[in-house]
Protein backbone atom coordinates (compact mmCIF):
# COMPACT_ATOMS: atom_id res chain seq x y z
CA MET A 1 8.05 53.94 -24.60
CA LYS A 2 10.05 53.01 -21.47
CA VAL A 3 11.70 49.65 -20.16
CA LEU A 4 13.41 48.84 -16.49
CA VAL A 5 15.23 46.01 -16.63
CA SER A 6 15.95 45.58 -12.50
CA ASP A 7 17.78 42.24 -12.70
CA PRO A 8 20.72 41.09 -14.37
CA LEU A 9 20.50 40.03 -17.80
CA SER A 10 22.78 39.14 -20.38
CA GLN A 11 24.36 42.06 -23.20
CA SER A 12 22.79 40.07 -25.65
CA GLY A 13 19.25 40.26 -23.95
CA LEU A 14 19.78 44.34 -23.53
CA GLU A 15 20.90 45.16 -27.16
CA ILE A 16 17.68 43.95 -28.33
CA LEU A 17 16.07 46.23 -26.29
CA LYS A 18 18.27 49.52 -26.62
CA GLU A 19 18.27 48.53 -30.54
CA SER A 20 14.44 48.70 -30.39
CA LYS A 21 13.12 51.84 -32.22
CA GLY A 22 10.96 53.65 -29.89
CA LEU A 23 12.21 52.26 -26.79
CA LYS A 24 14.21 53.74 -23.83
CA CYS A 25 15.84 50.96 -21.64
CA ASP A 26 16.86 51.76 -18.12
CA VAL A 27 19.21 48.78 -16.14
CA LYS A 28 18.52 49.20 -12.62
CA PRO A 29 19.65 46.17 -10.62
CA GLY A 30 19.61 45.97 -6.90
CA LEU A 31 16.53 48.32 -6.06
CA SER A 32 15.33 48.03 -3.18
CA GLN A 33 11.61 47.97 -2.88
CA GLU A 34 10.32 51.13 -1.64
CA GLU A 35 12.74 52.11 -4.52
CA LEU A 36 11.19 50.43 -6.80
CA LYS A 37 8.07 51.07 -5.99
CA GLN A 38 8.98 54.75 -6.25
CA ILE A 39 10.03 54.42 -10.33
CA ILE A 40 7.92 51.71 -11.82
CA GLY A 41 5.11 54.36 -12.60
CA GLU A 42 7.22 55.46 -15.11
CA TYR A 43 8.04 52.49 -17.42
CA ASP A 44 5.56 50.77 -19.43
CA ALA A 45 7.74 47.95 -19.02
CA ILE A 46 10.02 45.70 -16.79
CA ILE A 47 12.03 42.44 -17.15
CA ILE A 48 13.07 40.60 -14.43
CA ARG A 49 14.50 37.27 -12.93
CA SER A 50 14.33 35.86 -9.54
CA GLU A 51 16.11 38.80 -7.43
CA THR A 52 13.29 41.83 -8.49
CA LYS A 53 9.87 40.79 -6.22
CA LEU A 54 7.11 42.81 -7.66
CA LYS A 55 4.25 42.00 -4.71
CA ALA A 56 0.44 44.18 -5.06
CA ASP A 57 1.87 47.51 -3.98
CA ILE A 58 5.08 47.83 -6.66
CA ILE A 59 2.51 46.58 -9.16
CA GLU A 60 -0.98 48.77 -8.30
CA ALA A 61 1.66 51.30 -8.61
CA GLY A 62 2.80 50.64 -11.86
CA ASN A 63 0.15 53.23 -13.78
CA ARG A 64 2.15 52.59 -17.03
CA LEU A 65 2.65 49.26 -16.70
CA ARG A 66 1.64 47.47 -19.23
CA VAL A 67 4.10 43.91 -19.81
CA ILE A 68 5.91 41.86 -16.79
CA GLY A 69 8.54 39.70 -18.46
CA ARG A 70 10.19 37.07 -16.38
CA ALA A 71 13.68 35.65 -18.26
CA GLY A 72 13.12 32.29 -17.29
CA ILE A 73 10.18 29.93 -15.76
CA GLY A 74 9.49 30.80 -11.93
CA LEU A 75 6.46 33.38 -11.31
CA ASP A 76 6.96 33.29 -7.25
CA ASN A 77 7.90 36.62 -7.07
CA VAL A 78 5.62 38.17 -9.54
CA ASP A 79 1.74 38.53 -7.77
CA LEU A 80 -0.26 37.65 -10.84
CA PRO A 81 -3.69 37.40 -9.43
CA ALA A 82 -2.68 41.80 -9.27
CA ALA A 83 -0.99 41.87 -12.76
CA THR A 84 -4.09 40.36 -14.12
CA LYS A 85 -6.62 42.24 -12.27
CA LYS A 86 -4.59 45.50 -13.53
CA GLY A 87 -4.70 43.97 -17.31
CA ILE A 88 -0.81 43.49 -16.79
CA VAL A 89 0.23 41.04 -19.62
CA VAL A 90 3.18 38.63 -18.05
CA MET A 91 5.21 36.78 -20.22
CA ASN A 92 7.60 34.12 -19.41
CA THR A 93 10.10 31.98 -21.21
CA PRO A 94 9.67 28.70 -20.45
CA GLN A 95 11.78 26.15 -22.90
CA GLU A 96 14.64 28.15 -22.54
CA ASN A 97 16.64 26.73 -19.60
CA ALA A 98 14.87 23.61 -19.72
CA ILE A 99 18.30 21.81 -20.73
CA ALA A 100 20.30 23.34 -18.63
CA ALA A 101 17.92 21.96 -15.38
CA ALA A 102 17.96 18.73 -16.73
CA GLU A 103 21.66 18.49 -17.12
CA HIS A 104 22.02 19.79 -13.61
CA THR A 105 19.80 17.26 -12.93
CA ILE A 106 22.16 14.68 -13.94
CA ALA A 107 25.17 16.16 -12.85
CA MET A 108 24.23 16.75 -9.46
CA MET A 109 23.10 12.60 -9.72
CA LEU A 110 26.96 11.64 -11.07
CA SER A 111 28.40 13.85 -8.34
CA ILE A 112 26.29 11.98 -5.44
CA SER A 113 26.98 8.78 -6.34
CA ARG A 114 30.84 8.89 -7.53
CA LYS A 115 30.67 11.80 -4.36
CA VAL A 116 33.01 13.75 -6.11
CA PRO A 117 32.72 17.25 -3.98
CA GLN A 118 33.25 15.42 -1.26
CA ALA A 119 36.59 13.58 -2.93
CA THR A 120 37.62 17.34 -3.72
CA ALA A 121 37.37 18.77 -0.61
CA SER A 122 39.08 15.93 0.84
CA MET A 123 42.34 16.13 -1.43
CA ARG A 124 42.29 20.01 -1.18
CA ALA A 125 42.67 19.26 2.99
CA GLY A 126 45.87 17.32 1.88
CA LYS A 127 44.44 13.92 1.85
CA TRP A 128 44.50 10.72 -0.29
CA GLU A 129 41.67 8.70 1.16
CA LYS A 130 40.62 6.52 -2.20
CA LYS A 131 39.10 4.04 0.01
CA LYS A 132 36.52 6.18 1.98
CA PHE A 133 34.66 7.71 -1.74
CA MET A 134 33.37 4.28 -2.92
CA GLY A 135 30.69 5.01 -5.15
CA VAL A 136 27.97 3.41 -7.25
CA GLU A 137 27.46 2.76 -11.09
CA LEU A 138 24.24 4.51 -12.42
CA TYR A 139 24.61 1.33 -15.11
CA GLN A 140 21.77 -0.90 -14.83
CA LYS A 141 19.94 1.29 -11.99
CA THR A 142 16.66 2.47 -11.65
CA LEU A 143 15.75 6.31 -12.20
CA GLY A 144 12.75 6.80 -10.71
CA LEU A 145 10.84 10.36 -11.37
CA VAL A 146 8.41 12.41 -9.61
CA GLY A 147 6.71 14.15 -12.72
CA ILE A 148 7.13 14.05 -16.52
CA GLY A 149 6.82 17.23 -17.84
CA VAL A 150 9.31 19.55 -19.94
CA ILE A 151 12.56 18.87 -18.15
CA GLY A 152 11.73 15.45 -16.59
CA THR A 153 10.98 14.80 -20.24
CA ILE A 154 14.79 15.88 -21.33
CA VAL A 155 15.95 13.90 -18.13
CA VAL A 156 14.79 10.71 -18.95
CA ASP A 157 16.50 11.16 -22.54
CA ARG A 158 19.69 11.62 -21.01
CA ALA A 159 19.44 8.78 -18.34
CA ARG A 160 18.55 6.03 -20.77
CA GLY A 161 21.41 7.27 -22.55
CA LEU A 162 23.35 6.23 -19.48
CA LYS A 163 21.55 2.87 -19.76
CA MET A 164 19.44 3.58 -16.86
CA LYS A 165 16.06 1.96 -16.04
CA VAL A 166 14.02 4.98 -16.20
CA ILE A 167 10.09 4.63 -14.09
CA GLY A 168 7.88 7.68 -13.34
CA TYR A 169 4.77 9.21 -11.24
CA ASP A 170 2.79 10.98 -13.08
CA PRO A 171 -1.01 11.20 -12.08
CA TYR A 172 -2.12 13.14 -14.86
CA LEU A 173 -0.19 11.81 -17.85
CA SER A 174 -1.79 8.58 -19.55
CA PRO A 175 0.81 4.97 -19.90
CA GLU A 176 0.03 5.65 -23.36
CA VAL A 177 1.98 8.74 -23.54
CA ALA A 178 4.24 7.78 -21.07
CA GLU A 179 5.42 5.25 -23.24
CA LYS A 180 6.28 7.21 -25.76
CA LYS A 181 8.60 8.84 -23.90
CA GLY A 182 10.32 6.11 -22.88
CA VAL A 183 8.99 5.66 -19.32
CA GLU A 184 7.26 2.98 -17.95
CA LEU A 185 4.01 4.60 -15.52
CA VAL A 186 4.13 3.13 -11.85
CA SER A 187 2.22 4.39 -8.44
CA PHE A 188 3.89 6.61 -6.03
CA ASP A 189 4.15 3.32 -3.66
CA GLU A 190 5.73 1.42 -6.38
CA LEU A 191 8.39 4.41 -7.54
CA LEU A 192 9.15 4.92 -4.09
CA SER A 193 9.98 1.09 -3.39
CA ARG A 194 11.90 -0.11 -6.62
CA SER A 195 13.83 3.42 -7.39
CA ASP A 196 18.20 3.55 -6.93
CA PHE A 197 17.74 7.05 -7.33
CA ILE A 198 14.44 9.41 -7.03
CA SER A 199 14.68 12.91 -8.48
CA ILE A 200 11.81 15.40 -8.22
CA HIS A 201 10.20 17.63 -11.59
CA THR A 202 6.78 18.53 -10.06
CA PRO A 203 5.56 21.72 -9.03
CA MET A 204 5.57 23.20 -5.47
CA THR A 205 2.09 23.20 -5.07
CA GLU A 206 0.29 22.33 -1.56
CA GLU A 207 -0.73 18.57 -2.75
CA THR A 208 3.25 18.22 -3.27
CA ARG A 209 4.37 20.01 -0.35
CA ASN A 210 5.96 17.58 1.71
CA LEU A 211 5.28 14.66 -0.38
CA ILE A 212 8.53 13.20 0.12
CA ASP A 213 8.09 12.88 4.20
CA GLN A 214 8.83 10.28 6.57
CA ASN A 215 5.91 8.12 5.81
CA ALA A 216 7.10 8.23 2.15
CA ILE A 217 10.92 7.51 2.97
CA ALA A 218 9.79 4.38 5.04
CA LYS A 219 8.61 2.81 1.67
CA MET A 220 12.32 3.34 -0.21
CA LYS A 221 14.97 1.05 -0.44
CA LYS A 222 17.60 1.39 1.84
CA GLY A 223 20.37 3.13 0.46
CA VAL A 224 17.95 5.17 -2.00
CA ILE A 225 19.75 8.71 -3.50
CA LEU A 226 17.54 11.42 -3.78
CA ILE A 227 17.41 14.52 -6.32
CA ASN A 228 15.82 17.67 -6.19
CA CYS A 229 16.19 20.15 -8.33
CA ALA A 230 12.79 21.10 -8.82
CA ARG A 231 11.60 23.67 -6.17
CA GLY A 232 12.33 23.52 -1.86
CA GLY A 233 10.11 22.31 0.21
CA ILE A 234 8.31 19.52 -1.67
CA ILE A 235 11.48 17.14 0.50
CA ASN A 236 10.69 17.51 4.05
CA GLU A 237 13.92 18.68 5.16
CA LYS A 238 14.19 17.22 8.78
CA ASP A 239 12.73 13.83 7.52
CA LEU A 240 15.16 13.30 5.09
CA TYR A 241 17.85 14.85 7.58
CA GLU A 242 16.96 11.90 9.88
CA ALA A 243 16.33 9.43 6.93
CA ILE A 244 20.54 10.09 6.03
CA LYS A 245 21.79 10.10 9.91
CA THR A 246 20.17 6.48 10.21
CA GLY A 247 21.50 5.59 6.70
CA LYS A 248 18.44 5.06 4.68
CA VAL A 249 19.09 7.70 2.71
CA ALA A 250 22.36 6.70 1.40
CA GLY A 251 22.71 10.48 -0.06
CA ALA A 252 21.26 13.58 -1.59
CA SER A 253 21.57 15.95 -4.33
CA LEU A 254 19.91 19.50 -3.25
CA ASP A 255 19.69 22.82 -5.83
CA VAL A 256 16.78 24.23 -3.67
CA PHE A 257 15.77 24.15 -0.39
CA GLU A 258 12.83 25.33 1.84
CA LYS A 259 14.47 28.67 2.35
CA GLU A 260 16.61 30.46 0.43
CA PRO A 261 19.87 31.62 0.76
CA ALA A 262 20.13 28.37 2.82
CA ILE A 263 22.58 29.17 4.87
CA GLY A 264 22.56 27.13 8.43
CA ASN A 265 20.41 24.86 7.03
CA PRO A 266 21.72 21.57 8.86
CA LEU A 267 21.41 19.26 5.89
CA LEU A 268 24.62 21.53 4.57
CA GLU A 269 26.24 19.84 7.58
CA LEU A 270 26.10 16.35 6.51
CA GLU A 271 29.10 15.00 4.14
CA GLU A 272 26.42 12.84 2.49
CA VAL A 273 24.12 16.18 0.89
CA VAL A 274 25.61 17.95 -2.34
CA CYS A 275 24.23 21.18 -2.64
CA THR A 276 24.84 23.89 -5.19
CA PRO A 277 22.71 27.48 -4.76
CA HIS A 278 19.85 26.95 -7.15
CA LEU A 279 21.81 26.84 -10.39
CA GLY A 280 19.37 24.90 -12.32
CA ALA A 281 19.04 27.50 -15.26
CA SER A 282 23.16 28.77 -14.59
CA THR A 283 24.57 28.02 -17.80
CA GLU A 284 25.71 30.76 -19.43
CA GLU A 285 23.67 29.49 -23.10
CA ALA A 286 20.07 29.44 -21.05
CA GLN A 287 20.91 32.70 -19.14
CA GLU A 288 22.08 33.82 -23.17
CA ASN A 289 18.71 31.87 -24.14
CA VAL A 290 15.88 33.76 -21.56
CA ALA A 291 17.68 37.37 -21.99
CA ILE A 292 17.27 37.37 -25.68
CA ALA A 293 13.41 35.61 -25.92
CA ILE A 294 11.99 37.72 -23.01
CA SER A 295 13.55 40.61 -24.75
CA ARG A 296 12.13 39.88 -28.44
CA GLN A 297 8.96 39.00 -26.20
CA VAL A 298 8.45 42.17 -24.24
CA VAL A 299 9.88 44.38 -27.43
CA ASP A 300 7.10 42.59 -29.57
CA TYR A 301 4.56 43.19 -27.55
CA LEU A 302 5.44 46.64 -26.77
CA ILE A 303 5.78 47.57 -30.87
CA ASN A 304 3.60 45.11 -32.48
CA GLY A 305 0.61 43.64 -29.66
CA GLU A 306 2.14 40.12 -30.26
CA ILE A 307 1.72 38.04 -27.34
CA ARG A 308 3.72 35.02 -26.62
CA ASN A 309 4.14 32.94 -23.42
CA ALA A 310 2.07 34.92 -21.49
CA VAL A 311 0.73 33.18 -18.35
CA ASN A 312 -2.34 35.34 -17.81
CA ILE A 313 -3.71 36.81 -21.14
CA PRO A 314 -4.23 34.52 -24.54
CA ALA A 315 -3.02 36.30 -27.37
CA VAL A 316 -6.60 37.95 -28.82
CA SER A 317 -7.11 41.53 -29.75
CA PRO A 318 -7.77 44.12 -27.47
CA ASP A 319 -10.98 45.22 -28.16
CA ILE A 320 -11.98 41.54 -27.98
CA LEU A 321 -9.64 41.02 -24.54
CA LEU A 322 -11.88 43.50 -23.30
CA PHE A 323 -14.66 41.44 -23.98
CA LEU A 324 -12.94 38.63 -22.81
CA ARG A 325 -11.48 38.80 -19.67
CA PRO A 326 -13.70 38.09 -17.18
CA TYR A 327 -14.72 35.05 -18.90
CA LEU A 328 -11.02 33.97 -19.20
CA ARG A 329 -10.53 34.40 -15.53
CA LEU A 330 -13.75 32.23 -15.17
CA GLY A 331 -12.54 29.74 -17.52
CA GLU A 332 -8.85 29.39 -16.01
CA LYS A 333 -10.20 29.53 -12.04
CA LEU A 334 -13.18 26.44 -13.21
CA GLY A 335 -10.46 24.22 -15.02
CA SER A 336 -7.82 25.22 -12.05
CA PHE A 337 -10.57 23.95 -9.55
CA LEU A 338 -10.91 20.68 -11.08
CA GLY A 339 -7.64 20.61 -11.70
CA GLN A 340 -6.76 20.52 -8.05
CA ILE A 341 -9.66 17.83 -7.21
CA SER A 342 -8.54 15.37 -10.03
CA ASN A 343 -6.75 12.35 -8.47
CA TYR A 344 -6.43 10.61 -11.77
CA ALA A 345 -4.94 11.07 -15.28
CA ILE A 346 -7.45 12.97 -17.11
CA GLU A 347 -8.65 11.49 -20.44
CA GLU A 348 -11.46 14.09 -21.80
CA VAL A 349 -12.55 17.55 -21.31
CA LEU A 350 -16.00 18.48 -22.14
CA ILE A 351 -16.65 22.76 -22.08
CA GLU A 352 -19.99 23.88 -22.27
CA TYR A 353 -20.58 27.45 -23.61
CA HIS A 354 -24.16 29.03 -22.94
CA GLY A 355 -25.86 32.17 -23.92
CA GLU A 356 -23.67 35.80 -24.23
CA VAL A 357 -20.42 33.76 -23.95
CA LEU A 358 -20.39 32.70 -27.82
CA GLU A 359 -20.27 36.78 -28.73
CA TYR A 360 -16.67 36.65 -29.55
CA GLY A 361 -15.79 32.81 -29.74
CA THR A 362 -14.99 30.46 -27.31
CA LYS A 363 -11.26 29.37 -28.32
CA PRO A 364 -9.30 31.90 -26.05
CA ILE A 365 -11.91 30.41 -23.20
CA THR A 366 -10.55 27.16 -24.20
CA ILE A 367 -6.88 28.03 -23.70
CA SER A 368 -7.58 29.42 -20.27
CA VAL A 369 -9.60 26.52 -18.94
CA LEU A 370 -6.95 23.94 -19.97
CA LYS A 371 -4.14 26.63 -18.69
CA GLY A 372 -6.15 26.34 -15.15
CA LEU A 373 -6.95 22.85 -15.62
CA LEU A 374 -3.03 21.90 -16.32
CA THR A 375 -0.91 23.90 -14.20
CA PRO A 376 -1.76 22.43 -11.01
CA PHE A 377 0.34 19.21 -11.86
CA VAL A 378 2.22 20.63 -14.99
CA GLY A 379 3.37 24.10 -13.03
CA GLU A 380 5.03 27.45 -14.50
CA THR A 381 5.44 25.75 -17.95
CA VAL A 382 2.05 25.88 -19.31
CA ASN A 383 0.64 29.27 -21.01
CA PHE A 384 -1.44 30.11 -22.91
CA VAL A 385 0.88 29.61 -25.86
CA ASN A 386 1.36 25.64 -24.89
CA ALA A 387 -2.01 24.65 -23.05
CA PRO A 388 -3.66 23.30 -25.86
CA LEU A 389 -0.29 21.77 -27.23
CA MET A 390 0.63 20.13 -23.57
CA ALA A 391 -3.17 19.10 -23.17
CA ARG A 392 -2.40 16.78 -26.25
CA GLU A 393 1.13 15.19 -25.39
CA ARG A 394 -1.20 13.91 -22.33
CA GLY A 395 -3.54 12.46 -24.11
CA ILE A 396 -6.44 14.84 -23.33
CA ARG A 397 -9.52 14.57 -25.51
CA VAL A 398 -10.57 18.31 -25.88
CA THR A 399 -14.49 18.50 -27.08
CA GLU A 400 -16.32 21.56 -26.79
CA SER A 401 -20.41 22.58 -27.05
CA THR A 402 -22.27 25.60 -27.65
CA SER A 403 -25.56 26.58 -26.83
CA GLU A 404 -27.46 30.18 -27.40
CA GLU A 405 -29.46 29.39 -23.85
CA ALA A 406 -28.26 29.79 -20.69
CA GLU A 407 -31.46 28.71 -18.54
CA ASP A 408 -30.98 31.14 -15.53
CA PHE A 409 -27.82 32.65 -16.65
CA THR A 410 -26.57 35.69 -19.21
CA SER A 411 -23.82 33.11 -19.91
CA LEU A 412 -22.69 29.82 -18.41
CA ILE A 413 -19.75 27.88 -18.84
CA ALA A 414 -19.70 23.98 -17.70
CA LEU A 415 -16.49 21.76 -17.45
CA THR A 416 -16.25 18.32 -17.05
CA VAL A 417 -13.49 16.51 -16.82
CA ARG A 418 -12.78 12.41 -16.75
CA SER A 419 -10.46 9.61 -16.16
CA LYS A 420 -10.57 6.09 -15.83
CA MET A 421 -11.60 6.23 -12.20
CA GLU A 422 -13.59 9.59 -11.54
CA GLN A 423 -15.55 12.51 -12.66
CA ASN A 424 -16.15 16.00 -11.69
CA TYR A 425 -18.28 18.63 -12.89
CA ILE A 426 -18.37 22.43 -12.11
CA ALA A 427 -20.45 25.34 -14.07
CA GLY A 428 -20.29 28.80 -13.43
CA THR A 429 -21.18 32.20 -14.51
CA LEU A 430 -20.98 36.05 -14.29
CA PHE A 431 -23.26 38.02 -12.05
CA GLY A 432 -22.36 41.55 -14.03
CA ARG A 433 -19.66 41.98 -15.56
CA LYS A 434 -16.86 41.26 -13.16
CA GLU A 435 -18.35 38.92 -10.28
CA LEU A 436 -17.43 35.15 -11.02
CA ARG A 437 -19.02 32.95 -9.56
CA ILE A 438 -19.65 29.27 -9.20
CA VAL A 439 -23.05 28.21 -9.10
CA LYS A 440 -22.45 23.90 -9.56
CA LEU A 441 -20.48 21.48 -7.87
CA ASN A 442 -20.92 17.48 -9.55
CA ASP A 443 -24.33 17.48 -7.95
CA PHE A 444 -24.68 20.53 -6.06
CA PHE A 445 -26.21 23.49 -6.45
CA ILE A 446 -23.88 26.72 -4.90
CA GLU A 447 -22.75 30.28 -4.93
CA ALA A 448 -19.56 30.52 -4.20
CA LEU A 449 -16.13 32.75 -5.26
CA PRO A 450 -14.01 31.06 -7.17
CA GLU A 451 -10.64 32.52 -5.09
CA GLY A 452 -8.68 32.71 -2.33
CA TYR A 453 -7.87 29.54 -0.31
CA ILE A 454 -10.76 26.86 -0.08
CA LEU A 455 -11.44 23.95 1.75
CA LEU A 456 -13.71 21.30 -0.08
CA VAL A 457 -15.09 18.29 2.24
CA ASN A 458 -17.32 15.45 0.91
CA ASN A 459 -19.14 13.73 4.09
CA TYR A 460 -22.18 11.95 4.96
CA ASP A 461 -24.83 14.24 5.59
CA ARG A 462 -24.90 13.56 10.08
CA PRO A 463 -25.44 15.99 12.62
CA GLY A 464 -22.23 17.68 13.82
CA VAL A 465 -20.29 17.08 10.96
CA ILE A 466 -20.28 21.30 10.09
CA GLY A 467 -19.70 21.62 14.16
CA ASN A 468 -15.91 19.49 14.24
CA ILE A 469 -14.78 20.84 11.12
CA GLY A 470 -14.99 24.68 12.49
CA ALA A 471 -13.61 23.58 15.76
CA ALA A 472 -10.69 21.52 14.21
CA LEU A 473 -9.94 24.96 12.56
CA GLY A 474 -10.72 27.02 15.21
CA SER A 475 -8.52 25.04 16.93
CA ARG A 476 -5.62 26.29 14.79
CA ASN A 477 -6.72 29.68 14.42
CA ILE A 478 -8.24 29.72 11.00
CA ASN A 479 -10.88 31.62 10.41
CA ILE A 480 -14.02 30.72 8.05
CA ALA A 481 -15.00 33.71 5.79
CA THR A 482 -17.66 31.88 3.88
CA MET A 483 -19.47 28.52 3.57
CA GLN A 484 -21.61 27.09 1.43
CA PHE A 485 -22.88 23.61 2.15
CA GLY A 486 -25.43 20.83 -0.02
CA ARG A 487 -26.80 17.55 0.24
CA ASP A 488 -28.62 15.47 -2.02
CA ARG A 489 -31.18 14.30 0.43
CA MET A 490 -31.76 14.34 3.85
CA GLY A 491 -28.80 11.72 5.87
CA GLY A 492 -27.30 11.22 2.18
CA MET A 493 -23.86 12.58 0.69
CA ALA A 494 -23.07 16.37 1.63
CA MET A 495 -20.67 18.96 0.79
CA SER A 496 -19.91 21.75 2.19
CA LEU A 497 -17.48 24.64 0.89
CA LEU A 498 -15.29 26.51 2.91
CA HIS A 499 -13.57 29.96 2.24
CA LEU A 500 -10.60 30.27 4.34
CA ASP A 501 -8.83 33.22 5.59
CA SER A 502 -5.20 31.96 5.72
CA PRO A 503 -3.99 28.27 4.18
CA LEU A 504 -4.48 24.86 6.44
CA PRO A 505 -0.79 24.30 8.50
CA PRO A 506 0.56 20.64 6.91
CA GLY A 507 -1.05 18.01 8.15
CA MET A 508 -4.43 19.77 8.60
CA VAL A 509 -5.79 17.99 5.27
CA GLY A 510 -5.18 14.18 7.49
CA GLU A 511 -6.77 15.82 10.80
CA ILE A 512 -9.90 16.71 9.58
CA LEU A 513 -10.16 13.86 7.35
CA ARG A 514 -9.84 11.55 10.39
CA LEU A 515 -13.33 12.98 11.79
CA PRO A 516 -16.29 10.70 11.85
CA ASN A 517 -18.27 11.16 8.94
CA ILE A 518 -15.73 12.54 6.45
CA ILE A 519 -14.96 11.02 3.02
CA SER A 520 -12.78 12.99 1.43
CA VAL A 521 -10.88 16.72 2.09
CA ARG A 522 -9.32 18.74 -0.38
CA GLN A 523 -7.47 22.14 0.25
CA ILE A 524 -8.03 24.38 -3.21
CA GLU A 525 -5.82 27.41 -4.09
CA LEU A 526 -7.64 29.74 -6.31
């Protein structure tokens, strides 16, 4: 069996691959997309970092490819649906660089608070400007964390060691779990108004894109300092630039940007900005750890069939996986759908299984549901190994029920998600063995494909609503592929589910929400 390493990997990781019996390892960093496409068919596995882009056409050309190993967390450069469709296991190393990323956050906060890079540049220019670089202490300052996942939790520990007051906003974390982590859980607006420092630790989704914009900045203290070592695009860079120029924001430490490499980014011209080229995981220890971890994972899968830290397939035997695969996809998509429309901390998940799906056991499907449910707000750190643990850590109760009867379907998976403030329900089935369908959403019976870009609109059942939505989308050149409509009664409540050919541009959700008779609007990506 052959393994291709297409990005730089530490020697320790390479040695594991080269010393494994039955494996041949080729190290070929710097391949072009065309070069990679030409040779990928020769390999059973590929190990990558962030440089290699595994798009659908390259994955399709990998006729022997069984596993993709990502040395690190982020999978923006892998077409996961294409890999899953082809039955390729995709693995990452979600824990190995968490300490490095958290420590970089602390380093960036200390650096901007004492203006270390600016003072260094001044001295190198032959100056001694002691009065110019007056800093601020972290002691007794309030640090606000947007997102309290694996990395955020480590930041909490380090910040408390510096005697900072730590508050956090995480709509999917229960107050009890937050208290155990040592964080005071607050609303987003309260975090903005109370924090002296604000650090981002949330994944990049349509919900978090431009989360920190001019409206959010307006609610912050004058002189606030922002830190982003998570993902570019969560902070609106244009709005941040203006806020720094006016003095509303005293400074920012940025490791990530909307477009990378961030060459020519106006923020880099500002003395109040400390910046690094996406170095969050760039420590010798982290690089060593991720290389060793992913090499061992790939070897164990190829030699023994052992699956660890897979993001698209749970650990089950191949024959059972063959039967369960479409149900795993269905469960994950149903979970992801409800995860993306949930507005509050989830307290309970009820999963109902009916019919044929019971034949080989439901535990792997439950894990798929939890992975889909948690991914929208936890991000790429959740996988088929740690999803149940992450649910428990967030105080989410998971209950299963089974019935051999599936009413009008061969099989049915139904999911109810409850919080203190809301409850959502979704049910799905298979048509044949491969066609996934959503057949009910809350009180409305529908028949919808759980894939692509979906616009979910709740509205009052009044004439002209659908026309207004269509006109708004048409004005932005967004095409409606399919549409499902349901209502509880004439003139009552209604729901529209629209499949779109492209995602909504920034601000479009708000534009539709302002139309007459619209109650709520959510964009979902499956």
